[in-house]
């Protein structure tokens, strides 16, 4: 298929620099050269360690239009960790939004791009399992010293970030719970998630939270 045949009707660009004194101009110019309109380029000056970035969330909301391509200069602009990057790519895929990275030339709609995502998933799973094993080893060492570790928090920082991002994009209830429950961390119940969502709603709306436990 030729470039003109597969080219989406709309391009959304996202750029990120880690600190306020860094310059995103190179990223912005690369996105413009690729054909992203300047008014549809969203720029964050924030760490990639969190998904809760204002321009990033705005870019995702703007991208939720059929035929949209989400474009970045480099994969690591999406997030700091491999798992965080995969979460974003899966989120885009779930919404039917295509993705392209200018530096790595990754187009996740092609067989090569899909194969790369699978390999990234394997590496992320290995990374996750290593963290779990290190955590278990630490708990066993604590027990051997007679220390009793506290009860683990099921709504981990990563789960909270992904849930917050999805809620701001309009997802709610079971849609969010099904997405976050398999992320690394202790087992989480539906009730625990809904309690967190109610607190999130209260924080956003000054205490008035919709009752959507049937979702």
Protein backbone atom coordinates (compact mmCIF):
# COMPACT_ATOMS: atom_id res chain seq x y z
CA UNK A 1 0.00 0.00 0.00
CA UNK A 2 1.40 3.41 -0.95
CA UNK A 3 1.94 6.26 1.49
CA UNK A 4 -0.90 8.25 -0.08
CA UNK A 5 -3.31 5.31 0.20
CA UNK A 6 -2.65 4.64 3.89
CA UNK A 7 -2.10 8.22 5.03
CA UNK A 8 -4.63 9.17 7.73
CA UNK A 9 -6.74 12.26 7.20
CA UNK A 10 -5.51 13.89 10.40
CA UNK A 11 -2.20 14.00 12.27
CA UNK A 12 -1.73 14.85 15.94
CA UNK A 13 1.80 15.58 17.14
CA UNK A 14 3.19 15.24 20.64
CA UNK A 15 6.53 16.56 21.90
CA UNK A 16 8.05 16.46 25.37
CA UNK A 17 11.10 17.86 27.11
CA UNK A 18 11.95 16.95 30.70
CA UNK A 19 12.59 20.42 32.10
CA UNK A 20 11.48 23.99 31.44
CA UNK A 21 14.95 25.02 30.23
CA UNK A 22 15.09 22.38 27.49
CA UNK A 23 14.03 23.34 23.98
CA UNK A 24 11.41 21.29 22.09
CA UNK A 25 11.95 23.15 18.79
CA UNK A 26 13.77 20.24 17.10
CA UNK A 27 10.91 17.88 17.89
CA UNK A 28 8.31 20.41 16.77
CA UNK A 29 10.10 21.04 13.47
CA UNK A 30 10.38 17.28 12.79
CA UNK A 31 6.66 16.88 13.41
CA UNK A 32 5.86 19.82 11.09
CA UNK A 33 8.15 18.38 8.39
CA UNK A 34 6.14 15.14 8.62
CA UNK A 35 2.96 17.07 7.94
CA UNK A 36 1.54 17.68 11.41
CA UNK A 37 -0.21 21.10 11.51
CA UNK A 38 1.42 23.42 14.04
CA UNK A 39 -1.90 23.97 15.84
CA UNK A 40 -2.17 20.20 16.41
CA UNK A 41 1.24 19.81 18.05
CA UNK A 42 1.04 19.50 21.82
CA UNK A 43 4.11 20.10 23.99
CA UNK A 44 4.80 19.11 27.60
CA UNK A 45 7.65 20.26 29.76
CA UNK A 46 7.50 17.41 32.25
CA UNK A 47 9.11 14.13 33.26
CA UNK A 48 8.16 11.01 31.35
CA UNK A 49 7.74 9.21 34.64
CA UNK A 50 4.06 10.11 34.82
CA UNK A 51 1.23 9.75 32.29
CA UNK A 52 -0.69 12.61 33.89
CA UNK A 53 0.72 15.38 31.66
CA UNK A 54 -1.64 18.20 30.55
CA UNK A 55 -0.57 18.47 26.89
CA UNK A 56 -0.31 14.69 26.53
CA UNK A 57 -3.88 14.18 27.78
CA UNK A 58 -5.09 16.99 25.53
CA UNK A 59 -3.35 15.40 22.54
CA UNK A 60 -5.01 12.04 23.30
CA UNK A 61 -8.43 13.68 23.51
CA UNK A 62 -7.88 15.46 20.17
CA UNK A 63 -6.70 12.18 18.63
CA UNK A 64 -10.00 10.38 19.28
CA UNK A 65 -11.25 10.99 15.75
CA UNK A 66 -11.42 8.24 13.08
CA UNK A 67 -8.48 8.37 10.68
CA UNK A 68 -6.12 10.10 13.14
CA UNK A 69 -2.42 9.31 13.43
CA UNK A 70 -0.62 10.07 16.71
CA UNK A 71 2.96 11.11 15.91
CA UNK A 72 6.01 11.55 18.14
CA UNK A 73 9.64 12.35 17.37
CA UNK A 74 10.88 9.40 19.41
CA UNK A 75 9.27 6.54 21.35
CA UNK A 76 10.68 7.68 24.68
CA UNK A 77 8.63 10.89 24.40
CA UNK A 78 5.62 8.77 25.37
CA UNK A 79 7.07 7.60 28.69
CA UNK A 80 10.16 6.84 30.73
CA UNK A 81 9.68 3.08 31.06
CA UNK A 82 9.01 0.38 28.50
CA UNK A 83 5.84 -0.63 30.32
CA UNK A 84 4.61 2.96 30.35
CA UNK A 85 5.22 3.28 26.60
CA UNK A 86 3.33 0.03 25.96
CA UNK A 87 0.39 1.23 28.06
CA UNK A 88 0.06 4.30 25.85
CA UNK A 89 0.43 2.31 22.62
CA UNK A 90 -2.20 -0.19 23.78
CA UNK A 91 -4.51 2.67 24.75
CA UNK A 92 -4.15 4.19 21.28
CA UNK A 93 -4.73 0.79 19.67
CA UNK A 94 -7.87 0.21 21.75
CA UNK A 95 -9.29 3.43 20.33
CA UNK A 96 -8.35 2.66 16.74
CA UNK A 97 -5.74 5.45 16.63
CA UNK A 98 -2.68 4.73 14.51
CA UNK A 99 0.78 5.65 15.80
CA UNK A 100 4.07 6.62 14.21
CA UNK A 101 7.50 7.38 15.68
CA UNK A 102 9.70 9.49 13.41
CA UNK A 103 13.08 8.40 14.79
CA UNK A 104 12.49 4.65 15.04
CA UNK A 105 10.19 4.70 11.97
CA UNK A 106 7.71 2.60 13.93
CA UNK A 107 4.28 2.26 12.36
CA UNK A 108 2.31 -0.10 14.61
CA UNK A 109 -0.19 -0.85 11.83
CA UNK A 110 2.44 -2.74 9.77
CA UNK A 111 3.52 -6.37 10.37
CA UNK A 112 6.99 -5.15 11.41
CA UNK A 113 5.51 -2.63 13.81
CA UNK A 114 3.22 -5.24 15.35
CA UNK A 115 6.16 -7.62 15.74
CA UNK A 116 8.14 -4.90 17.48
CA UNK A 117 5.27 -4.31 19.90
CA UNK A 118 5.19 -8.02 20.69
CA UNK A 119 8.93 -8.00 21.42
CA UNK A 120 8.52 -4.93 23.61
CA UNK A 121 5.75 -6.76 25.46
CA UNK A 122 8.02 -9.73 26.13
CA UNK A 123 10.78 -7.47 27.47
CA UNK A 124 8.27 -5.55 29.63
CA UNK A 125 6.95 -8.82 31.03
CA UNK A 126 10.49 -9.91 31.88
CA UNK A 127 11.11 -6.55 33.55
CA UNK A 128 7.88 -6.91 35.52
CA UNK A 129 8.73 -10.45 36.66
CA UNK A 130 12.20 -9.37 37.79
CA UNK A 131 10.66 -6.60 39.90
CA UNK A 132 8.20 -9.07 41.43
CA UNK A 133 11.01 -11.51 42.24
CA UNK A 134 13.10 -8.77 43.85
CA UNK A 135 10.09 -7.66 45.89
CA UNK A 136 9.42 -11.22 47.08
CA UNK A 137 13.08 -11.67 47.98
CA UNK A 138 12.98 -8.44 49.98
CA UNK A 139 9.89 -9.59 51.87
CA UNK A 140 11.50 -12.94 52.68
CA UNK A 141 14.62 -11.20 53.97
CA UNK A 142 12.46 -8.92 56.13
CA UNK A 143 10.59 -11.93 57.54
CA UNK A 144 13.91 -13.65 58.30
CA UNK A 145 14.92 -10.60 60.31
CA UNK A 146 11.63 -10.73 62.19
CA UNK A 147 10.17 -7.70 60.42
CA UNK A 148 6.54 -7.82 59.31
CA UNK A 149 6.01 -5.93 56.06
CA UNK A 150 2.94 -3.70 55.88
CA UNK A 151 -0.10 -4.45 53.79
CA UNK A 152 0.64 -3.62 50.14
CA UNK A 153 -1.39 -0.83 48.50
CA UNK A 154 -3.36 -2.30 45.61
CA UNK A 155 -3.94 1.03 43.82
CA UNK A 156 -0.28 1.54 42.95
CA UNK A 157 1.13 4.75 41.53
CA UNK A 158 1.21 3.23 38.03
CA UNK A 159 -2.41 2.05 38.27
CA UNK A 160 -3.49 5.47 39.55
CA UNK A 161 -1.74 7.23 36.65
CA UNK A 162 -3.28 5.00 33.99
CA UNK A 163 -6.73 5.22 35.62
CA UNK A 164 -6.49 9.01 35.91
CA UNK A 165 -5.52 9.29 32.25
CA UNK A 166 -8.41 7.08 31.14
CA UNK A 167 -10.93 8.91 33.34
CA UNK A 168 -9.85 12.24 31.86
CA UNK A 169 -10.41 10.74 28.41
CA UNK A 170 -13.98 9.75 29.31
CA UNK A 171 -13.59 6.09 30.29
CA UNK A 172 -15.14 4.92 33.55
CA UNK A 173 -16.00 1.96 35.75
CA UNK A 174 -15.25 -1.53 34.52
CA UNK A 175 -13.54 -0.23 31.36
CA UNK A 176 -10.82 1.33 33.52
CA UNK A 177 -10.74 -1.51 36.07
CA UNK A 178 -10.19 -4.16 33.38
CA UNK A 179 -7.28 -2.10 32.03
CA UNK A 180 -5.46 -1.56 35.32
CA UNK A 181 -6.04 -4.82 37.17
CA UNK A 182 -3.27 -6.69 35.33
CA UNK A 183 -0.66 -3.97 35.83
CA UNK A 184 2.14 -4.87 38.22
CA UNK A 185 1.28 -4.73 41.89
CA UNK A 186 -0.74 -6.66 44.46
CA UNK A 187 -4.16 -8.04 43.42
CA UNK A 188 -6.80 -5.31 43.27
CA UNK A 189 -10.53 -5.81 43.77
CA UNK A 190 -13.28 -4.04 41.86
CA UNK A 191 -14.44 -2.47 45.15
CA UNK A 192 -10.97 -1.05 45.82
CA UNK A 193 -10.87 0.51 42.38
CA UNK A 194 -14.36 2.03 42.69
CA UNK A 195 -13.43 3.51 46.08
CA UNK A 196 -10.40 5.14 44.43
CA UNK A 197 -12.52 6.37 41.49
CA UNK A 198 -15.02 7.92 43.91
CA UNK A 199 -12.17 9.80 45.62
CA UNK A 200 -10.86 10.90 42.21
CA UNK A 201 -14.31 12.20 41.25
CA UNK A 202 -14.64 14.04 44.55
CA UNK A 203 -11.27 15.68 44.04
CA UNK A 204 -12.23 16.80 40.54
CA UNK A 205 -15.80 17.91 41.26
CA UNK A 206 -15.61 19.24 44.79
CA UNK A 207 -17.27 16.19 46.29
CA UNK A 208 -20.04 15.35 43.78
CA UNK A 209 -19.25 11.98 42.22
CA UNK A 210 -21.49 10.06 39.84
CA UNK A 211 -22.74 6.68 40.99
CA UNK A 212 -21.58 4.32 38.24
CA UNK A 213 -20.78 1.07 40.00
CA UNK A 214 -23.06 -0.70 37.55
CA UNK A 215 -20.76 0.13 34.62
